[in-house]
Protein backbone atom coordinates (compact mmCIF):
# COMPACT_ATOMS: atom_id res chain seq x y z
CA UNK A 1 22.80 -236.68 -135.88
CA UNK A 2 25.19 -234.00 -137.12
CA UNK A 3 23.67 -231.55 -139.59
CA UNK A 4 24.80 -228.90 -142.06
CA UNK A 5 22.68 -225.87 -142.98
CA UNK A 6 23.36 -223.61 -145.99
CA UNK A 7 22.60 -220.04 -144.89
CA UNK A 8 24.31 -218.35 -147.83
CA UNK A 9 26.42 -218.71 -150.99
CA UNK A 10 23.88 -221.29 -152.14
CA UNK A 11 22.29 -220.42 -155.47
CA UNK A 12 24.48 -217.32 -155.57
CA UNK A 13 28.16 -216.36 -155.26
CA UNK A 14 28.07 -214.19 -152.14
CA UNK A 15 26.89 -214.38 -148.52
CA UNK A 16 29.05 -217.30 -147.38
CA UNK A 17 27.46 -218.75 -144.21
CA UNK A 18 27.23 -222.39 -143.10
CA UNK A 19 26.26 -223.92 -139.77
CA UNK A 20 27.31 -227.33 -138.48
CA UNK A 21 25.45 -228.80 -135.51
CA UNK A 22 26.43 -231.77 -133.35
CA UNK A 23 26.08 -232.71 -129.70
CA UNK A 24 23.98 -229.62 -128.97
CA UNK A 25 26.74 -227.31 -130.23
CA UNK A 26 26.86 -225.13 -133.32
CA UNK A 27 29.87 -224.13 -135.40
CA UNK A 28 29.59 -221.53 -138.16
CA UNK A 29 31.90 -221.37 -141.18
CA UNK A 30 32.17 -217.85 -142.65
CA UNK A 31 29.83 -214.96 -142.00
CA UNK A 32 29.65 -212.86 -145.15
CA UNK A 33 27.36 -210.26 -146.65
CA UNK A 34 25.22 -210.75 -149.72
CA UNK A 35 25.96 -208.61 -152.77
CA UNK A 36 24.17 -208.14 -156.05
CA UNK A 37 20.44 -207.85 -156.60
CA UNK A 38 18.14 -206.02 -154.20
CA UNK A 39 16.60 -209.34 -153.18
CA UNK A 40 20.02 -210.61 -152.13
CA UNK A 41 21.05 -207.40 -150.37
CA UNK A 42 17.85 -207.43 -148.33
CA UNK A 43 18.99 -210.72 -146.78
CA UNK A 44 21.69 -208.73 -144.98
CA UNK A 45 18.95 -206.92 -143.05
CA UNK A 46 17.02 -210.06 -142.09
CA UNK A 47 17.89 -211.89 -138.86
CA UNK A 48 19.74 -215.14 -139.35
CA UNK A 49 17.39 -218.13 -139.63
CA UNK A 50 19.52 -219.65 -136.85
CA UNK A 51 19.70 -217.86 -133.50
CA UNK A 52 23.06 -216.06 -133.45
CA UNK A 53 23.35 -216.57 -129.70
CA UNK A 54 23.17 -220.35 -130.13
CA UNK A 55 26.34 -220.49 -132.25
CA UNK A 56 29.46 -221.26 -130.22
CA UNK A 57 32.30 -220.56 -132.69
CA UNK A 58 32.93 -218.94 -136.06
CA UNK A 59 35.78 -220.10 -138.33
CA UNK A 60 36.74 -218.08 -141.40
CA UNK A 61 38.15 -219.21 -144.76
CA UNK A 62 39.46 -215.75 -145.72
CA UNK A 63 38.93 -212.01 -145.34
CA UNK A 64 36.77 -210.96 -148.30
CA UNK A 65 33.56 -209.29 -147.15
CA UNK A 66 31.29 -211.89 -148.74
CA UNK A 67 32.90 -214.22 -146.17
CA UNK A 68 33.35 -211.83 -143.22
CA UNK A 69 31.28 -208.69 -143.80
CA UNK A 70 28.28 -209.74 -141.71
CA UNK A 71 30.33 -210.33 -138.53
CA UNK A 72 29.57 -207.00 -136.75
CA UNK A 73 25.85 -207.46 -137.41
CA UNK A 74 26.14 -211.09 -136.30
CA UNK A 75 27.52 -209.94 -132.96
CA UNK A 76 24.77 -207.34 -132.61
CA UNK A 77 22.29 -210.19 -133.09
CA UNK A 78 23.75 -212.06 -130.12
CA UNK A 79 26.83 -214.07 -131.12
CA UNK A 80 29.20 -214.28 -128.13
CA UNK A 81 31.78 -216.83 -129.25
CA UNK A 82 35.31 -216.57 -130.59
CA UNK A 83 36.24 -216.06 -134.25
CA UNK A 84 39.12 -218.13 -135.66
CA UNK A 85 41.23 -217.21 -138.69
CA UNK A 86 44.74 -217.24 -140.11
CA UNK A 87 47.10 -214.43 -139.20
CA UNK A 88 46.80 -212.94 -142.69
CA UNK A 89 43.01 -212.96 -142.50
CA UNK A 90 43.13 -211.34 -139.07
CA UNK A 91 45.30 -208.46 -140.30
CA UNK A 92 43.14 -207.93 -143.38
CA UNK A 93 39.95 -208.03 -141.30
CA UNK A 94 41.33 -205.21 -139.16
CA UNK A 95 41.17 -203.11 -142.32
CA UNK A 96 38.16 -204.47 -144.18
CA UNK A 97 35.57 -204.56 -141.42
CA UNK A 98 36.09 -201.02 -140.01
CA UNK A 99 36.26 -199.71 -143.57
CA UNK A 100 33.00 -201.48 -144.38
CA UNK A 101 31.33 -199.90 -141.35
CA UNK A 102 32.71 -196.49 -142.28
CA UNK A 103 31.50 -196.77 -145.89
CA UNK A 104 28.05 -197.86 -144.79
CA UNK A 105 27.82 -194.86 -142.47
CA UNK A 106 29.00 -192.59 -145.29
CA UNK A 107 26.52 -194.07 -147.78
CA UNK A 108 23.66 -193.71 -145.29
CA UNK A 109 24.63 -190.09 -144.56
CA UNK A 110 24.91 -189.30 -148.27
CA UNK A 111 21.51 -190.89 -148.93
CA UNK A 112 19.99 -188.78 -146.17
CA UNK A 113 21.54 -185.58 -147.55
CA UNK A 114 20.36 -186.30 -151.08
CA UNK A 115 17.04 -187.81 -150.03
CA UNK A 116 17.20 -190.78 -152.41
CA UNK A 117 16.72 -193.54 -149.83
CA UNK A 118 13.30 -195.10 -149.40
CA UNK A 119 13.98 -195.27 -145.66
CA UNK A 120 13.87 -192.22 -143.38
CA UNK A 121 16.45 -191.98 -142.08
CA UNK A 122 18.73 -194.30 -144.01
CA UNK A 123 20.72 -196.43 -141.55
CA UNK A 124 23.95 -198.44 -141.93
CA UNK A 125 23.92 -202.19 -141.51
CA UNK A 126 26.51 -201.57 -138.78
CA UNK A 127 28.85 -198.76 -137.83
CA UNK A 128 32.60 -198.27 -137.76
CA UNK A 129 32.52 -198.70 -133.97
CA UNK A 130 30.55 -201.94 -134.31
CA UNK A 131 33.19 -203.28 -136.67
CA UNK A 132 36.11 -202.25 -134.47
CA UNK A 133 34.48 -203.89 -131.45
CA UNK A 134 33.95 -207.14 -133.39
CA UNK A 135 37.70 -207.51 -133.93
CA UNK A 136 38.20 -208.23 -130.23
CA UNK A 137 36.71 -211.68 -130.80
CA UNK A 138 39.25 -212.72 -133.47
CA UNK A 139 41.90 -215.33 -132.71
CA UNK A 140 44.72 -216.24 -135.12
CA UNK A 141 45.48 -219.97 -135.05
CA UNK A 142 48.64 -222.03 -135.38
CA UNK A 143 48.12 -223.51 -138.83
CA UNK A 144 50.50 -226.40 -138.22
CA UNK A 145 48.11 -227.96 -135.72
CA UNK A 146 44.54 -229.16 -135.53
CA UNK A 147 42.49 -226.75 -133.45
CA UNK A 148 40.35 -228.45 -130.80
CA UNK A 149 37.17 -226.52 -130.07
CA UNK A 150 35.31 -229.07 -127.96
CA UNK A 151 34.72 -232.78 -127.63
CA UNK A 152 32.50 -232.51 -130.72
CA UNK A 153 34.42 -230.14 -133.06
CA UNK A 154 37.96 -229.56 -134.28
CA UNK A 155 39.37 -228.12 -137.51
CA UNK A 156 42.54 -227.80 -139.58
CA UNK A 157 43.56 -225.22 -142.20
CA UNK A 158 45.13 -225.93 -145.62
CA UNK A 159 46.44 -223.34 -148.09
CA UNK A 160 44.08 -222.65 -150.97
CA UNK A 161 45.58 -219.67 -152.81
CA UNK A 162 43.03 -216.98 -153.82
CA UNK A 163 44.25 -214.15 -151.53
CA UNK A 164 46.64 -213.71 -148.64
CA UNK A 165 45.59 -215.86 -145.69
CA UNK A 166 42.96 -217.84 -147.60
CA UNK A 167 42.52 -221.44 -146.50
CA UNK A 168 40.17 -224.36 -146.91
CA UNK A 169 38.89 -225.84 -143.67
CA UNK A 170 38.66 -229.51 -142.72
CA UNK A 171 36.22 -229.85 -139.83
CA UNK A 172 36.11 -233.04 -137.77
CA UNK A 173 32.81 -233.77 -136.04
CA UNK A 174 32.64 -236.33 -133.23
CA UNK A 175 29.27 -237.49 -131.93
CA UNK A 176 27.93 -240.75 -130.47
CA UNK A 177 31.19 -242.54 -131.23
CA UNK A 178 31.10 -241.61 -134.90
CA UNK A 179 33.56 -239.30 -136.69
CA UNK A 180 32.48 -237.21 -139.65
CA UNK A 181 34.60 -234.81 -141.71
CA UNK A 182 33.48 -231.85 -143.78
CA UNK A 183 35.86 -229.97 -146.08
CA UNK A 184 34.95 -226.36 -146.87
CA UNK A 185 36.90 -225.25 -149.94
CA UNK A 186 36.38 -221.52 -149.43
CA UNK A 187 37.47 -219.67 -152.56
CA UNK A 188 40.03 -221.69 -154.50
CA UNK A 189 42.85 -219.78 -156.18
CA UNK A 190 44.50 -220.17 -159.57
CA UNK A 191 47.14 -222.78 -160.37
CA UNK A 192 49.63 -219.99 -161.06
CA UNK A 193 49.15 -216.66 -159.32
CA UNK A 194 51.33 -213.58 -159.55
CA UNK A 195 51.88 -213.20 -155.82
CA UNK A 196 50.33 -216.05 -153.81
CA UNK A 197 51.31 -219.71 -153.61
CA UNK A 198 48.96 -222.11 -155.45
CA UNK A 199 46.35 -224.27 -153.65
CA UNK A 200 47.65 -227.22 -151.66
CA UNK A 201 46.04 -230.65 -151.42
CA UNK A 202 44.36 -231.18 -148.02
CA UNK A 203 45.47 -234.13 -145.92
CA UNK A 204 42.35 -236.27 -146.06
CA UNK A 205 42.08 -239.45 -144.03
CA UNK A 206 38.82 -241.35 -144.09
CA UNK A 207 35.31 -240.51 -145.21
CA UNK A 208 34.39 -236.88 -145.83
CA UNK A 209 31.82 -234.54 -147.37
CA UNK A 210 32.94 -231.51 -149.37
CA UNK A 211 31.54 -228.03 -150.00
CA UNK A 212 33.17 -226.81 -153.20
CA UNK A 213 33.01 -223.36 -154.75
CA UNK A 214 31.73 -223.02 -158.34
CA UNK A 215 32.20 -219.34 -159.19
CA UNK A 216 33.75 -220.20 -162.57
CA UNK A 217 32.02 -223.54 -162.92
CA UNK A 218 31.06 -222.87 -166.54
CA UNK A 219 34.02 -220.78 -167.70
CA UNK A 220 37.70 -220.97 -168.53
CA UNK A 221 39.99 -218.02 -168.02
CA UNK A 222 41.45 -216.45 -171.19
CA UNK A 223 44.86 -217.69 -172.27
CA UNK A 224 45.86 -214.54 -174.17
CA UNK A 225 48.82 -212.28 -173.34
CA UNK A 226 46.96 -210.13 -170.82
CA UNK A 227 50.03 -208.03 -170.11
CA UNK A 228 50.15 -206.93 -173.75
CA UNK A 229 46.42 -206.28 -173.77
CA UNK A 230 46.58 -204.23 -170.58
CA UNK A 231 49.44 -202.13 -171.97
CA UNK A 232 47.50 -201.61 -175.21
CA UNK A 233 44.39 -200.48 -173.32
CA UNK A 234 46.44 -197.92 -171.41
CA UNK A 235 48.17 -196.61 -174.52
CA UNK A 236 45.05 -196.36 -176.72
CA UNK A 237 43.13 -194.63 -173.93
CA UNK A 238 45.97 -192.17 -173.36
CA UNK A 239 46.16 -191.49 -177.12
CA UNK A 240 42.53 -190.35 -176.96
CA UNK A 241 43.43 -188.07 -174.06
CA UNK A 242 41.49 -190.22 -171.63
CA UNK A 243 42.13 -192.05 -168.38
CA UNK A 244 41.82 -195.73 -167.48
CA UNK A 245 39.62 -196.35 -164.42
CA UNK A 246 39.86 -199.80 -162.84
CA UNK A 247 37.31 -200.72 -160.15
CA UNK A 248 39.46 -203.15 -158.18
CA UNK A 249 39.08 -205.22 -155.05
CA UNK A 250 41.33 -203.78 -152.36
CA UNK A 251 42.56 -207.24 -151.38
CA UNK A 252 44.45 -209.27 -153.96
CA UNK A 253 43.43 -207.58 -157.20
CA UNK A 254 44.99 -204.19 -156.48
CA UNK A 255 48.29 -205.82 -155.52
CA UNK A 256 48.35 -207.93 -158.69
CA UNK A 257 47.62 -204.91 -160.87
CA UNK A 258 50.48 -202.98 -159.27
CA UNK A 259 52.73 -206.02 -159.75
CA UNK A 260 51.93 -206.19 -163.49
CA UNK A 261 52.21 -202.44 -164.07
CA UNK A 262 55.67 -202.58 -162.44
CA UNK A 263 56.64 -205.43 -164.78
CA UNK A 264 55.39 -203.57 -167.86
CA UNK A 265 57.09 -200.27 -167.01
CA UNK A 266 60.38 -201.86 -165.94
CA UNK A 267 60.51 -203.86 -169.20
CA UNK A 268 59.65 -200.75 -171.30
CA UNK A 269 56.42 -202.33 -172.54
CA UNK A 270 54.46 -199.42 -171.09
CA UNK A 271 55.49 -195.80 -170.82
CA UNK A 272 55.53 -194.26 -167.42
CA UNK A 273 52.40 -192.32 -166.48
CA UNK A 274 50.63 -191.42 -163.22
CA UNK A 275 49.11 -194.45 -161.49
CA UNK A 276 46.80 -193.52 -158.63
CA UNK A 277 45.74 -196.07 -156.03
CA UNK A 278 42.75 -194.19 -154.63
CA UNK A 279 41.70 -196.39 -151.77
CA UNK A 280 43.13 -196.11 -148.25
CA UNK A 281 42.13 -199.69 -147.58
CA UNK A 282 43.88 -200.96 -150.72
CA UNK A 283 47.00 -199.07 -149.69
CA UNK A 284 46.97 -200.62 -146.22
CA UNK A 285 46.24 -204.05 -147.71
CA UNK A 286 49.29 -203.66 -149.94
CA UNK A 287 51.40 -203.06 -146.83
CA UNK A 288 49.98 -206.26 -145.30
CA UNK A 289 50.81 -208.18 -148.47
CA UNK A 290 54.39 -206.97 -148.17
CA UNK A 291 54.65 -208.12 -144.55
CA UNK A 292 53.01 -211.55 -144.79
CA UNK A 293 55.61 -213.43 -146.73
CA UNK A 294 54.43 -216.88 -145.66
CA UNK A 295 52.04 -216.98 -148.63
CA UNK A 296 54.41 -215.46 -151.22
CA UNK A 297 55.27 -217.66 -154.18
CA UNK A 298 58.81 -218.39 -155.37
CA UNK A 299 58.99 -215.48 -157.82
CA UNK A 300 57.95 -213.02 -155.12
CA UNK A 301 60.57 -214.42 -152.75
CA UNK A 302 63.26 -213.99 -155.41
CA UNK A 303 62.24 -210.39 -156.15
CA UNK A 304 62.27 -209.50 -152.47
CA UNK A 305 65.71 -211.08 -152.07
CA UNK A 306 66.94 -208.78 -154.86
CA UNK A 307 65.56 -205.71 -153.11
CA UNK A 308 62.76 -205.12 -155.63
CA UNK A 309 59.56 -203.46 -154.41
CA UNK A 310 57.00 -205.69 -156.18
CA UNK A 311 53.99 -203.38 -155.64
CA UNK A 312 55.65 -200.03 -156.44
CA UNK A 313 55.68 -199.30 -160.19
CA UNK A 314 57.30 -196.06 -161.33
CA UNK A 315 54.84 -193.18 -161.20
CA UNK A 316 52.58 -194.69 -158.55
CA UNK A 317 50.74 -192.39 -156.14
CA UNK A 318 48.99 -193.74 -153.05
CA UNK A 319 46.08 -191.37 -152.37
CA UNK A 320 44.93 -191.69 -148.78
CA UNK A 321 43.17 -188.41 -148.12
CA UNK A 322 39.83 -187.20 -149.44
CA UNK A 323 41.59 -184.10 -150.74
CA UNK A 324 43.99 -186.24 -152.79
CA UNK A 325 41.07 -188.22 -154.17
CA UNK A 326 39.11 -185.12 -155.12
CA UNK A 327 42.16 -183.58 -156.79
CA UNK A 328 41.95 -186.31 -159.44
CA UNK A 329 38.73 -184.68 -160.66
CA UNK A 330 40.77 -181.65 -161.75
CA UNK A 331 43.48 -183.63 -163.57
CA UNK A 332 43.62 -182.97 -167.30
CA UNK A 333 46.21 -185.49 -168.43
CA UNK A 334 45.85 -189.25 -168.94
CA UNK A 335 46.29 -191.43 -165.88
CA UNK A 336 45.45 -194.82 -164.41
CA UNK A 337 43.09 -194.87 -161.42
CA UNK A 338 42.77 -198.05 -159.36
CA UNK A 339 39.99 -197.69 -156.80
CA UNK A 340 37.61 -199.83 -154.77
CA UNK A 341 35.12 -201.40 -154.86
CA UNK A 342 35.70 -204.10 -157.46
CA UNK A 343 32.03 -204.46 -158.41
CA UNK A 344 31.38 -200.71 -158.19
CA UNK A 345 28.95 -201.23 -155.32
CA UNK A 346 30.39 -198.38 -153.22
CA UNK A 347 33.51 -196.50 -152.24
CA UNK A 348 35.59 -193.84 -153.96
CA UNK A 349 35.43 -195.50 -157.37
CA UNK A 350 31.82 -194.34 -157.73
CA UNK A 351 32.97 -190.70 -157.85
CA UNK A 352 35.51 -191.54 -160.56
CA UNK A 353 32.89 -193.47 -162.53
CA UNK A 354 30.43 -190.59 -162.26
CA UNK A 355 33.09 -188.27 -163.70
CA UNK A 356 34.60 -190.58 -166.33
CA UNK A 357 31.68 -192.62 -167.68
CA UNK A 358 30.15 -189.75 -169.70
CA UNK A 359 33.41 -189.06 -171.58
CA UNK A 360 34.13 -191.29 -174.61
CA UNK A 361 37.88 -190.68 -174.26
CA UNK A 362 38.02 -192.73 -171.04
CA UNK A 363 38.10 -196.48 -170.52
CA UNK A 364 36.54 -198.43 -167.64
CA UNK A 365 38.22 -201.78 -167.11
CA UNK A 366 36.57 -204.55 -165.09
CA UNK A 367 39.17 -207.16 -164.23
CA UNK A 368 37.16 -209.63 -162.17
CA UNK A 369 33.82 -211.32 -161.71
CA UNK A 370 30.85 -208.94 -161.57
CA UNK A 371 28.00 -210.49 -159.60
CA UNK A 372 24.50 -210.22 -161.12
CA UNK A 373 22.66 -207.17 -159.85
CA UNK A 374 25.80 -205.14 -159.14
CA UNK A 375 26.52 -201.78 -160.74
CA UNK A 376 29.65 -203.28 -162.26
CA UNK A 377 27.70 -206.04 -163.97
CA UNK A 378 25.19 -203.52 -165.34
CA UNK A 379 27.92 -201.32 -166.86
CA UNK A 380 29.70 -204.40 -168.17
CA UNK A 381 26.50 -205.61 -169.87
CA UNK A 382 26.21 -202.46 -171.97
CA UNK A 383 23.63 -200.21 -170.31
CA UNK A 384 23.42 -196.67 -171.70
CA UNK A 385 23.09 -195.05 -168.26
CA UNK A 386 23.64 -196.11 -164.65
CA UNK A 387 22.44 -194.68 -161.36
CA UNK A 388 25.22 -193.39 -159.11
CA UNK A 389 24.43 -191.52 -155.89
CA UNK A 390 20.81 -191.13 -156.93
CA UNK A 391 21.50 -189.65 -160.38
CA UNK A 392 21.53 -191.27 -163.82
CA UNK A 393 24.99 -191.10 -165.38
CA UNK A 394 25.35 -191.69 -169.15
CA UNK A 395 27.77 -194.42 -170.21
CA UNK A 396 29.85 -193.18 -173.12
CA UNK A 397 33.28 -194.36 -172.01
CA UNK A 398 34.80 -197.51 -173.49
CA UNK A 399 34.00 -200.49 -171.26
CA UNK A 400 36.43 -203.41 -171.24
CA UNK A 401 36.73 -206.64 -169.26
CA UNK A 402 39.65 -208.90 -168.40
CA UNK A 403 39.15 -212.17 -166.57
CA UNK A 404 42.86 -212.96 -166.41
CA UNK A 405 43.26 -211.33 -163.00
CA UNK A 406 40.53 -213.37 -161.38
CA UNK A 407 41.55 -214.91 -158.06
CA UNK A 408 39.20 -217.87 -158.61
CA UNK A 409 40.18 -221.11 -160.30
CA UNK A 410 38.23 -221.78 -163.49
CA UNK A 411 36.53 -225.12 -164.03
CA UNK A 412 39.63 -226.68 -165.61
CA UNK A 413 41.78 -225.68 -162.65
CA UNK A 414 39.11 -226.83 -160.19
CA UNK A 415 38.89 -230.26 -161.81
CA UNK A 416 42.67 -230.64 -161.82
CA UNK A 417 42.84 -229.63 -158.15
CA UNK A 418 40.05 -232.02 -157.16
CA UNK A 419 41.59 -234.78 -159.26
CA UNK A 420 44.69 -234.71 -157.05
CA UNK A 421 42.74 -235.55 -153.88
CA UNK A 422 43.80 -238.91 -152.41
CA UNK A 423 40.27 -240.28 -152.57
CA UNK A 424 36.77 -239.21 -153.51
CA UNK A 425 34.41 -237.52 -151.05
CA UNK A 426 31.20 -239.26 -150.14
CA UNK A 427 29.28 -236.21 -151.35
CA UNK A 428 30.08 -232.84 -152.95
CA UNK A 429 27.86 -229.81 -152.44
CA UNK A 430 28.43 -227.03 -154.97
CA UNK A 431 28.30 -223.55 -153.44
CA UNK A 432 29.52 -220.03 -154.30
CA UNK A 433 28.17 -220.02 -157.81
CA UNK A 434 25.31 -218.79 -159.93
CA UNK A 435 22.88 -221.62 -160.79
CA UNK A 436 24.27 -222.12 -164.30
CA UNK A 437 27.88 -222.25 -163.12
CA UNK A 438 27.13 -224.61 -160.25
CA UNK A 439 25.12 -226.99 -162.43
CA UNK A 440 27.81 -226.98 -165.08
CA UNK A 441 30.53 -227.87 -162.58
CA UNK A 442 28.30 -230.54 -161.05
CA UNK A 443 28.00 -232.23 -164.43
CA UNK A 444 31.74 -232.00 -165.07
CA UNK A 445 32.61 -233.46 -161.65
CA UNK A 446 30.21 -236.34 -162.21
CA UNK A 447 31.45 -237.03 -165.74
CA UNK A 448 35.19 -236.62 -165.25
CA UNK A 449 35.71 -237.67 -161.63
CA UNK A 450 32.70 -239.91 -161.08
CA UNK A 451 31.85 -238.16 -157.81
CA UNK A 452 28.39 -237.72 -156.33
CA UNK A 453 27.79 -233.97 -156.62
CA UNK A 454 24.76 -231.77 -156.08
CA UNK A 455 24.00 -228.04 -155.98
CA UNK A 456 23.24 -226.64 -152.53
CA UNK A 457 20.03 -224.66 -152.02
CA UNK A 458 19.53 -221.64 -149.80
CA UNK A 459 18.37 -222.68 -146.29
CA UNK A 460 18.75 -226.35 -147.14
CA UNK A 461 19.57 -228.55 -144.14
CA UNK A 462 21.24 -231.94 -144.62
CA UNK A 463 22.14 -234.76 -142.27
CA UNK A 464 25.78 -235.76 -142.32
């Protein structure tokens, strides 16, 4: 009998990993890293509960590291198959994975220099070279067709919003004359996004089981005028003589922020001031967003037809070099700094936080979900000091949050998307959510749609 095993993103948001087994073959969906608490992060260092060498194929929903970031380690553990993705995901992975390896090497080297790691020496989960080598296994698929992997497995992609290249995956399993279908939602985007087309409705024919994300299963996104609020945050911070620091995901969030800042400045709702994108990866991702127009929504298409540069507000500086990044430490006038990572778990943004958090003139703006256990979540929750690079940094800066930029559908948008499906799934497994969010969405799906829904558990194995 065909089986499904939940190796990640079950009971938590990150670490997306699922294994389907049928006819003696194994197919893995996503291969992400865990983020958040120490207990979760330690899972990244543990061998997969399933032998990596026994898995024949890996299919990806999208490029975010909690869906792809374990791939180089996965290969080191023995995976020898091919990795399938959309073209957009492939291009983004060429940036994200090497950058992840580079940052892990940098963090390990810094820990060794400062002596704050409990391990001697501190080692990266994988290296830059490991990540570059892993990209040789990627294959971009023709999304207009069903991809046949073997006599037992095939799959088809459907647009799901969220970020460039993101798709849900409908897997068809054939065994002993029976056909089973499993739909993996991946991360579902908003109904209306600034740049990306909204989620489509998968073409579902016959019985199927669904794995559905629940990141915002207990929350609705704010309906306020976030453009006005963002402009006000910039102006009030500048009036104090401070800077606005935005820890932002390099993929998706940075591009949307640049899009909105361009709108505000062009419409004279925000005065022009220096905007620094201090993340080489975010800069390269922005270039990829410009090139991959297949996912652009109607408004983006119209802007491009008019010759507008959607991601280039007046006053923007793209800081690639370390010297350019360090020069921001000497700046004495108000500015906006957009830097990765979005949950303040690593990257250049940590240096800006270490400098700006102790100064009450500055503002730190979190504009997306902060997973429990992350540095971003701790700052957001109101701690008086936070450890950065082995030292306690006082938190005196203003700390603000905006959920409007989230790339995840809230529970209202999820229910409306699911309600458009042609017929109900036989079973829904809630994944990619904290326990409270997943349980809340389970109850809403049962009450409003009448579907049989349950919350997936880590390492749970079910028969399909």
